[in-house]
Amino acid sequence: FIIINVDGIAHDILLPKTMAKDESVYDRLIAEFGTEILTKEEEGRDKNATPPIIDRRKLGDLVFPDRQKRKKLNSITHPTIIKIMFKRILLEGLNLGSYFSNNPKSNNKERRRVVCVDIPLLFEGGLPMRMLFGTVIVVACNATLQLERLQKRNPDLTLEQCKQRIASQIPVETKARKAHVVIRNDDSLKELKDRVRQVKVDVAEVISGSQRGVELSWMVIGLGVLALTLS
């Protein structure tokens, strides 16, 4: 199983061009939202040094209470995130590196693997985004626990700020009803790990079994998307 972390991509594109692994929307976000979203510069800092980075907390405080600003942020970041995601899905899923490998042991079996894309806002991306994936898995917990965990993870956020962040997304139980597989995360970490292990086995059996015929179609669509994203 290969994991592609879309949240990681979203973090990376906020970095200045000289620091980002792939593409950057740093300049566009500053042009749209101003320099107040940047981290504070330290006194005596060399102006020729690495530019200040975008403070994700400041950006969040600015856009979460305002739907229009949130839409503007998404219109800037989402196309770049999706483009990078497509590239990584295809390069990892087709394992293109192995085709150019000098390793004589490289074979088709080694090139077969399952690509899992971790997307926090899959459903918010709309139906076209969901249709890209043969199996959609949602990890869900009840609303009370979701709020408690967010407050614990981000103790610097007020209760109202936490509620705003949750309210900006589709309710998790709504997402669960639209998923192919739901993993409940209302209990202990051990129980969650046990459920994830079982789902991993179930998904692997489906992909290697009766649904293997979808792979050719996936590759044909994938190669078309690759041509578009690389252009």
C-alpha atoms as a PDB file:
ATOM      1  CA  PHE A   1       0.000   0.000   0.000  1.00  0.00           C
ATOM      2  CA  ILE A   2       1.318   3.427  -1.022  1.00  0.00           C
ATOM      3  CA  ILE A   3      -0.009   6.444   0.913  1.00  0.00           C
ATOM      4  CA  ILE A   4      -0.329   9.869  -0.711  1.00  0.00           C
ATOM      5  CA  ASN A   5      -0.991  12.565   1.889  1.00  0.00           C
ATOM      6  CA  VAL A   6      -2.976  15.390   0.265  1.00  0.00           C
ATOM      7  CA  ASP A   7      -2.886  17.443   3.465  1.00  0.00           C
ATOM      8  CA  GLY A   8       0.899  17.333   3.206  1.00  0.00           C
ATOM      9  CA  ILE A   9       0.656  18.640  -0.353  1.00  0.00           C
ATOM     10  CA  ALA A  10      -1.623  21.452   0.877  1.00  0.00           C
ATOM     11  CA  HIS A  11       0.977  22.429   3.467  1.00  0.00           C
ATOM     12  CA  ASP A  12       3.853  22.312   0.999  1.00  0.00           C
ATOM     13  CA  ILE A  13       2.321  24.601  -1.636  1.00  0.00           C
ATOM     14  CA  LEU A  14       2.008  27.371   0.978  1.00  0.00           C
ATOM     15  CA  LEU A  15       5.795  27.576   1.202  1.00  0.00           C
ATOM     16  CA  PRO A  16       7.802  30.086  -0.844  1.00  0.00           C
ATOM     17  CA  LYS A  17       8.916  28.797  -4.259  1.00  0.00           C
ATOM     18  CA  THR A  18      12.469  28.260  -3.059  1.00  0.00           C
ATOM     19  CA  MET A  19      11.261  25.966  -0.256  1.00  0.00           C
ATOM     20  CA  ALA A  20       8.353  24.056  -1.834  1.00  0.00           C
ATOM     21  CA  LYS A  21       8.972  20.508  -3.083  1.00  0.00           C
ATOM     22  CA  ASP A  22       6.646  21.020  -6.034  1.00  0.00           C
ATOM     23  CA  GLU A  23       4.593  24.058  -7.043  1.00  0.00           C
ATOM     24  CA  SER A  24       3.809  27.036  -4.795  1.00  0.00           C
ATOM     25  CA  VAL A  25       0.838  29.397  -4.377  1.00  0.00           C
ATOM     26  CA  TYR A  26       2.704  31.536  -1.839  1.00  0.00           C
ATOM     27  CA  ASP A  27       2.815  34.700  -3.960  1.00  0.00           C
ATOM     28  CA  ARG A  28      -0.826  34.431  -5.044  1.00  0.00           C
ATOM     29  CA  LEU A  29      -2.050  34.064  -1.463  1.00  0.00           C
ATOM     30  CA  ILE A  30      -0.078  37.091  -0.290  1.00  0.00           C
ATOM     31  CA  ALA A  31      -1.423  39.097  -3.224  1.00  0.00           C
ATOM     32  CA  GLU A  32      -4.977  38.077  -2.275  1.00  0.00           C
ATOM     33  CA  PHE A  33      -4.918  38.173   1.532  1.00  0.00           C
ATOM     34  CA  GLY A  34      -2.005  40.487   2.313  1.00  0.00           C
ATOM     35  CA  THR A  35       1.190  40.192   4.325  1.00  0.00           C
ATOM     36  CA  GLU A  36      -0.736  39.850   7.598  1.00  0.00           C
ATOM     37  CA  ILE A  37      -0.966  36.105   6.939  1.00  0.00           C
ATOM     38  CA  LEU A  38       2.835  35.815   7.205  1.00  0.00           C
ATOM     39  CA  THR A  39       4.807  34.911  10.297  1.00  0.00           C
ATOM     40  CA  LYS A  40       6.306  37.889  12.085  1.00  0.00           C
ATOM     41  CA  GLU A  41       9.815  38.758  11.007  1.00  0.00           C
ATOM     42  CA  GLU A  42      12.396  38.743  13.767  1.00  0.00           C
ATOM     43  CA  GLU A  43      14.220  41.994  14.484  1.00  0.00           C
ATOM     44  CA  GLY A  44      17.627  42.190  12.824  1.00  0.00           C
ATOM     45  CA  ARG A  45      16.670  39.429  10.380  1.00  0.00           C
ATOM     46  CA  ASP A  46      18.629  39.394   7.122  1.00  0.00           C
ATOM     47  CA  LYS A  47      16.277  40.653   4.400  1.00  0.00           C
ATOM     48  CA  ASN A  48      18.066  38.436   1.866  1.00  0.00           C
ATOM     49  CA  ALA A  49      17.417  35.322   3.924  1.00  0.00           C
ATOM     50  CA  THR A  50      14.555  32.882   3.345  1.00  0.00           C
ATOM     51  CA  PRO A  51      11.275  34.831   3.159  1.00  0.00           C
ATOM     52  CA  PRO A  52       8.783  34.555   6.040  1.00  0.00           C
ATOM     53  CA  ILE A  53       6.383  31.642   5.663  1.00  0.00           C
ATOM     54  CA  ILE A  54       2.602  31.753   5.662  1.00  0.00           C
ATOM     55  CA  ASP A  55       1.162  31.273   9.142  1.00  0.00           C
ATOM     56  CA  ARG A  56      -1.571  28.681   8.594  1.00  0.00           C
ATOM     57  CA  ARG A  57      -3.282  29.692  11.832  1.00  0.00           C
ATOM     58  CA  LYS A  58      -3.523  33.332  10.748  1.00  0.00           C
ATOM     59  CA  LEU A  59      -4.788  32.278   7.333  1.00  0.00           C
ATOM     60  CA  GLY A  60      -7.360  29.996   8.948  1.00  0.00           C
ATOM     61  CA  ASP A  61      -8.578  32.711  11.315  1.00  0.00           C
ATOM     62  CA  LEU A  62      -9.071  34.952   8.296  1.00  0.00           C
ATOM     63  CA  VAL A  63     -10.976  32.567   6.014  1.00  0.00           C
ATOM     64  CA  PHE A  64     -12.962  30.214   8.252  1.00  0.00           C
ATOM     65  CA  PRO A  65     -15.488  32.832   9.448  1.00  0.00           C
ATOM     66  CA  ASP A  66     -15.936  34.178   5.893  1.00  0.00           C
ATOM     67  CA  ARG A  67     -17.392  31.871   3.239  1.00  0.00           C
ATOM     68  CA  GLN A  68     -16.347  34.105   0.331  1.00  0.00           C
ATOM     69  CA  LYS A  69     -12.750  34.256   1.496  1.00  0.00           C
ATOM     70  CA  ARG A  70     -12.800  30.493   1.965  1.00  0.00           C
ATOM     71  CA  LYS A  71     -14.021  30.050  -1.612  1.00  0.00           C
ATOM     72  CA  LYS A  72     -11.266  32.343  -2.845  1.00  0.00           C
ATOM     73  CA  LEU A  73      -8.645  30.408  -0.917  1.00  0.00           C
ATOM     74  CA  ASN A  74      -9.933  27.129  -2.348  1.00  0.00           C
ATOM     75  CA  SER A  75      -9.961  28.540  -5.891  1.00  0.00           C
ATOM     76  CA  ILE A  76      -6.255  29.324  -5.525  1.00  0.00           C
ATOM     77  CA  THR A  77      -5.067  26.206  -3.716  1.00  0.00           C
ATOM     78  CA  HIS A  78      -7.299  23.364  -4.959  1.00  0.00           C
ATOM     79  CA  PRO A  79      -6.243  23.292  -8.646  1.00  0.00           C
ATOM     80  CA  THR A  80      -2.568  23.083  -7.656  1.00  0.00           C
ATOM     81  CA  ILE A  81      -3.238  20.462  -4.972  1.00  0.00           C
ATOM     82  CA  ILE A  82      -5.242  18.321  -7.427  1.00  0.00           C
ATOM     83  CA  LYS A  83      -2.593  18.619 -10.128  1.00  0.00           C
ATOM     84  CA  ILE A  84       0.172  17.447  -7.784  1.00  0.00           C
ATOM     85  CA  MET A  85      -2.093  14.704  -6.406  1.00  0.00           C
ATOM     86  CA  PHE A  86      -2.770  13.358  -9.907  1.00  0.00           C
ATOM     87  CA  LYS A  87       0.917  13.257 -10.714  1.00  0.00           C
ATOM     88  CA  ARG A  88       1.727  11.326  -7.555  1.00  0.00           C
ATOM     89  CA  ILE A  89      -1.183   8.897  -7.977  1.00  0.00           C
ATOM     90  CA  LEU A  90      -0.102   8.009 -11.497  1.00  0.00           C
ATOM     91  CA  LEU A  91       3.611   7.881 -10.838  1.00  0.00           C
ATOM     92  CA  GLU A  92       3.103   5.732  -7.741  1.00  0.00           C
ATOM     93  CA  GLY A  93       0.213   3.653  -9.072  1.00  0.00           C
ATOM     94  CA  LEU A  94       1.925   2.799 -12.337  1.00  0.00           C
ATOM     95  CA  ASN A  95       5.302   2.709 -10.579  1.00  0.00           C
ATOM     96  CA  LEU A  96       6.879   4.368 -13.594  1.00  0.00           C
ATOM     97  CA  GLY A  97      10.283   4.430 -11.961  1.00  0.00           C
ATOM     98  CA  SER A  98      10.542   0.657 -12.247  1.00  0.00           C
ATOM     99  CA  TYR A  99      10.184   0.816 -16.025  1.00  0.00           C
ATOM    100  CA  PHE A 100      13.457   2.716 -16.200  1.00  0.00           C
ATOM    101  CA  SER A 101      15.147   0.632 -13.533  1.00  0.00           C
ATOM    102  CA  ASN A 102      18.326  -1.299 -14.322  1.00  0.00           C
ATOM    103  CA  ASN A 103      17.376  -3.894 -11.736  1.00  0.00           C
ATOM    104  CA  PRO A 104      16.947  -7.219 -13.609  1.00  0.00           C
ATOM    105  CA  LYS A 105      14.678  -8.481 -10.810  1.00  0.00           C
ATOM    106  CA  SER A 106      12.088  -5.807 -11.545  1.00  0.00           C
ATOM    107  CA  ASN A 107       8.889  -7.407 -12.867  1.00  0.00           C
ATOM    108  CA  ASN A 108       5.162  -6.793 -13.271  1.00  0.00           C
ATOM    109  CA  LYS A 109       4.340  -8.267  -9.887  1.00  0.00           C
ATOM    110  CA  GLU A 110       6.639  -5.762  -8.182  1.00  0.00           C
ATOM    111  CA  ARG A 111       4.997  -2.939 -10.076  1.00  0.00           C
ATOM    112  CA  ARG A 112       1.498  -3.825  -8.802  1.00  0.00           C
ATOM    113  CA  ARG A 113       0.502  -1.951  -5.682  1.00  0.00           C
ATOM    114  CA  VAL A 114      -2.458  -0.217  -4.089  1.00  0.00           C
ATOM    115  CA  VAL A 115      -2.389   3.577  -3.933  1.00  0.00           C
ATOM    116  CA  CYS A 116      -4.278   5.086  -0.984  1.00  0.00           C
ATOM    117  CA  VAL A 117      -4.932   8.826  -1.096  1.00  0.00           C
ATOM    118  CA  ASP A 118      -5.541  10.508   2.260  1.00  0.00           C
ATOM    119  CA  ILE A 119      -7.850  13.449   1.421  1.00  0.00           C
ATOM    120  CA  PRO A 120      -9.352  15.446   4.320  1.00  0.00           C
ATOM    121  CA  LEU A 121     -11.854  17.275   2.052  1.00  0.00           C
ATOM    122  CA  LEU A 122     -12.671  14.624  -0.559  1.00  0.00           C
ATOM    123  CA  PHE A 123     -16.442  15.162  -0.407  1.00  0.00           C
ATOM    124  CA  GLU A 124     -16.100  18.937  -0.386  1.00  0.00           C
ATOM    125  CA  GLY A 125     -14.338  18.548  -3.750  1.00  0.00           C
ATOM    126  CA  GLY A 126     -17.603  17.399  -5.330  1.00  0.00           C
ATOM    127  CA  LEU A 127     -18.723  14.360  -7.322  1.00  0.00           C
ATOM    128  CA  PRO A 128     -15.971  14.499  -9.993  1.00  0.00           C
ATOM    129  CA  MET A 129     -13.344  14.132  -7.273  1.00  0.00           C
ATOM    130  CA  ARG A 130     -15.142  11.183  -5.619  1.00  0.00           C
ATOM    131  CA  MET A 131     -15.518   9.403  -8.962  1.00  0.00           C
ATOM    132  CA  LEU A 132     -11.744   9.190  -9.300  1.00  0.00           C
ATOM    133  CA  PHE A 133     -11.553   6.575  -6.573  1.00  0.00           C
ATOM    134  CA  GLY A 134     -12.869   3.032  -6.763  1.00  0.00           C
ATOM    135  CA  THR A 135     -13.134   2.654  -2.991  1.00  0.00           C
ATOM    136  CA  VAL A 136     -13.851   5.517  -0.590  1.00  0.00           C
ATOM    137  CA  ILE A 137     -13.077   4.913   3.085  1.00  0.00           C
ATOM    138  CA  VAL A 138     -14.238   7.320   5.791  1.00  0.00           C
ATOM    139  CA  VAL A 139     -12.868   7.306   9.339  1.00  0.00           C
ATOM    140  CA  ALA A 140     -15.676   8.690  11.507  1.00  0.00           C
ATOM    141  CA  CYS A 141     -16.454   9.516  15.116  1.00  0.00           C
ATOM    142  CA  ASN A 142     -19.398  11.207  16.807  1.00  0.00           C
ATOM    143  CA  ALA A 143     -19.675  15.005  16.710  1.00  0.00           C
ATOM    144  CA  THR A 144     -18.967  15.513  20.417  1.00  0.00           C
ATOM    145  CA  LEU A 145     -15.769  13.497  20.244  1.00  0.00           C
ATOM    146  CA  GLN A 146     -14.724  15.287  17.040  1.00  0.00           C
ATOM    147  CA  LEU A 147     -14.943  18.664  18.794  1.00  0.00           C
ATOM    148  CA  GLU A 148     -13.119  17.381  21.886  1.00  0.00           C
ATOM    149  CA  ARG A 149     -10.271  15.977  19.792  1.00  0.00           C
ATOM    150  CA  LEU A 150      -9.895  19.188  17.794  1.00  0.00           C
ATOM    151  CA  GLN A 151      -9.691  21.212  21.012  1.00  0.00           C
ATOM    152  CA  LYS A 152      -7.093  18.824  22.410  1.00  0.00           C
ATOM    153  CA  ARG A 153      -5.006  18.898  19.214  1.00  0.00           C
ATOM    154  CA  ASN A 154      -5.190  22.704  18.930  1.00  0.00           C
ATOM    155  CA  PRO A 155      -5.407  24.083  22.491  1.00  0.00           C
ATOM    156  CA  ASP A 156      -4.655  27.593  21.203  1.00  0.00           C
ATOM    157  CA  LEU A 157      -7.992  27.685  19.342  1.00  0.00           C
ATOM    158  CA  THR A 158     -11.061  28.982  21.122  1.00  0.00           C
ATOM    159  CA  LEU A 159     -14.222  26.877  21.293  1.00  0.00           C
ATOM    160  CA  GLU A 160     -15.829  29.147  18.692  1.00  0.00           C
ATOM    161  CA  GLN A 161     -12.856  28.788  16.324  1.00  0.00           C
ATOM    162  CA  CYS A 162     -13.020  25.005  16.633  1.00  0.00           C
ATOM    163  CA  LYS A 163     -16.733  25.052  15.849  1.00  0.00           C
ATOM    164  CA  GLN A 164     -16.115  27.282  12.808  1.00  0.00           C
ATOM    165  CA  ARG A 165     -13.559  24.840  11.400  1.00  0.00           C
ATOM    166  CA  ILE A 166     -15.906  21.890  11.820  1.00  0.00           C
ATOM    167  CA  ALA A 167     -18.873  23.831  10.418  1.00  0.00           C
ATOM    168  CA  SER A 168     -16.868  24.690   7.273  1.00  0.00           C
ATOM    169  CA  GLN A 169     -16.858  20.994   6.325  1.00  0.00           C
ATOM    170  CA  ILE A 170     -19.562  18.493   5.420  1.00  0.00           C
ATOM    171  CA  PRO A 171     -20.659  16.652   8.612  1.00  0.00           C
ATOM    172  CA  VAL A 172     -18.642  13.490   9.080  1.00  0.00           C
ATOM    173  CA  GLU A 173     -21.735  11.289   9.436  1.00  0.00           C
ATOM    174  CA  THR A 174     -22.962  12.565   6.052  1.00  0.00           C
ATOM    175  CA  LYS A 175     -19.621  11.558   4.578  1.00  0.00           C
ATOM    176  CA  ALA A 176     -19.898   8.151   6.235  1.00  0.00           C
ATOM    177  CA  ARG A 177     -23.237   7.498   4.514  1.00  0.00           C
ATOM    178  CA  LYS A 178     -21.613   8.183   1.122  1.00  0.00           C
ATOM    179  CA  ALA A 179     -18.561   5.989   1.697  1.00  0.00           C
ATOM    180  CA  HIS A 180     -17.990   2.422   0.535  1.00  0.00           C
ATOM    181  CA  VAL A 181     -16.282   1.565   3.825  1.00  0.00           C
ATOM    182  CA  VAL A 182     -16.592   3.236   7.237  1.00  0.00           C
ATOM    183  CA  ILE A 183     -14.046   2.825  10.023  1.00  0.00           C
ATOM    184  CA  ARG A 184     -15.431   3.936  13.374  1.00  0.00           C
ATOM    185  CA  ASN A 185     -13.009   5.843  15.572  1.00  0.00           C
ATOM    186  CA  ASP A 186     -15.138   6.349  18.684  1.00  0.00           C
ATOM    187  CA  ASP A 187     -13.166   3.933  20.868  1.00  0.00           C
ATOM    188  CA  SER A 188      -9.566   3.194  21.827  1.00  0.00           C
ATOM    189  CA  LEU A 189      -6.512   3.472  19.570  1.00  0.00           C
ATOM    190  CA  LYS A 190      -6.065  -0.310  19.751  1.00  0.00           C
ATOM    191  CA  GLU A 191      -9.598  -0.896  18.455  1.00  0.00           C
ATOM    192  CA  LEU A 192      -9.000   1.595  15.659  1.00  0.00           C
ATOM    193  CA  LYS A 193      -5.789  -0.183  14.625  1.00  0.00           C
ATOM    194  CA  ASP A 194      -7.600  -3.534  14.600  1.00  0.00           C
ATOM    195  CA  ARG A 195     -10.328  -2.126  12.335  1.00  0.00           C
ATOM    196  CA  VAL A 196      -7.777  -0.556   9.982  1.00  0.00           C
ATOM    197  CA  ARG A 197      -5.890  -3.858   9.687  1.00  0.00           C
ATOM    198  CA  GLN A 198      -9.096  -5.685   8.756  1.00  0.00           C
ATOM    199  CA  VAL A 199     -10.110  -3.065   6.201  1.00  0.00           C
ATOM    200  CA  LYS A 200      -6.645  -3.251   4.659  1.00  0.00           C
ATOM    201  CA  VAL A 201      -7.077  -7.004   4.186  1.00  0.00           C
ATOM    202  CA  ASP A 202     -10.597  -6.587   2.768  1.00  0.00           C
ATOM    203  CA  VAL A 203      -9.531  -3.884   0.284  1.00  0.00           C
ATOM    204  CA  ALA A 204      -6.509  -5.876  -0.868  1.00  0.00           C
ATOM    205  CA  GLU A 205      -8.725  -8.917  -1.526  1.00  0.00           C
ATOM    206  CA  VAL A 206     -11.189  -6.863  -3.577  1.00  0.00           C
ATOM    207  CA  ILE A 207      -8.464  -5.280  -5.692  1.00  0.00           C
ATOM    208  CA  SER A 208      -6.637  -8.549  -6.345  1.00  0.00           C
ATOM    209  CA  GLY A 209      -9.848 -10.486  -6.949  1.00  0.00           C
ATOM    210  CA  SER A 210     -13.005  -9.980  -8.969  1.00  0.00           C
ATOM    211  CA  GLN A 211     -12.450  -6.265  -9.649  1.00  0.00           C
ATOM    212  CA  ARG A 212      -9.015  -6.570 -11.240  1.00  0.00           C
ATOM    213  CA  GLY A 213     -10.600  -5.831 -14.601  1.00  0.00           C
ATOM    214  CA  VAL A 214     -11.029  -2.163 -13.699  1.00  0.00           C
ATOM    215  CA  GLU A 215      -7.264  -1.647 -13.751  1.00  0.00           C
ATOM    216  CA  LEU A 216      -6.986  -1.281 -17.524  1.00  0.00           C
ATOM    217  CA  SER A 217      -9.697   1.382 -17.614  1.00  0.00           C
ATOM    218  CA  TRP A 218      -8.039   3.149 -14.704  1.00  0.00           C
ATOM    219  CA  MET A 219      -4.732   3.187 -16.567  1.00  0.00           C
ATOM    220  CA  VAL A 220      -6.296   4.556 -19.757  1.00  0.00           C
ATOM    221  CA  ILE A 221      -8.032   7.366 -17.849  1.00  0.00           C
ATOM    222  CA  GLY A 222      -4.924   7.887 -15.773  1.00  0.00           C
ATOM    223  CA  LEU A 223      -2.616   8.320 -18.724  1.00  0.00           C
ATOM    224  CA  GLY A 224      -4.995  10.912 -20.178  1.00  0.00           C
ATOM    225  CA  VAL A 225      -4.996  12.817 -16.912  1.00  0.00           C
ATOM    226  CA  LEU A 226      -1.206  12.540 -16.709  1.00  0.00           C
ATOM    227  CA  ALA A 227      -0.889  14.159 -20.130  1.00  0.00           C
ATOM    228  CA  LEU A 228      -3.080  17.041 -18.971  1.00  0.00           C
ATOM    229  CA  THR A 229      -1.392  17.553 -15.621  1.00  0.00           C
ATOM    230  CA  LEU A 230       2.097  17.483 -17.072  1.00  0.00           C
ATOM    231  CA  SER A 231       1.223  19.994 -19.789  1.00  0.00           C
END
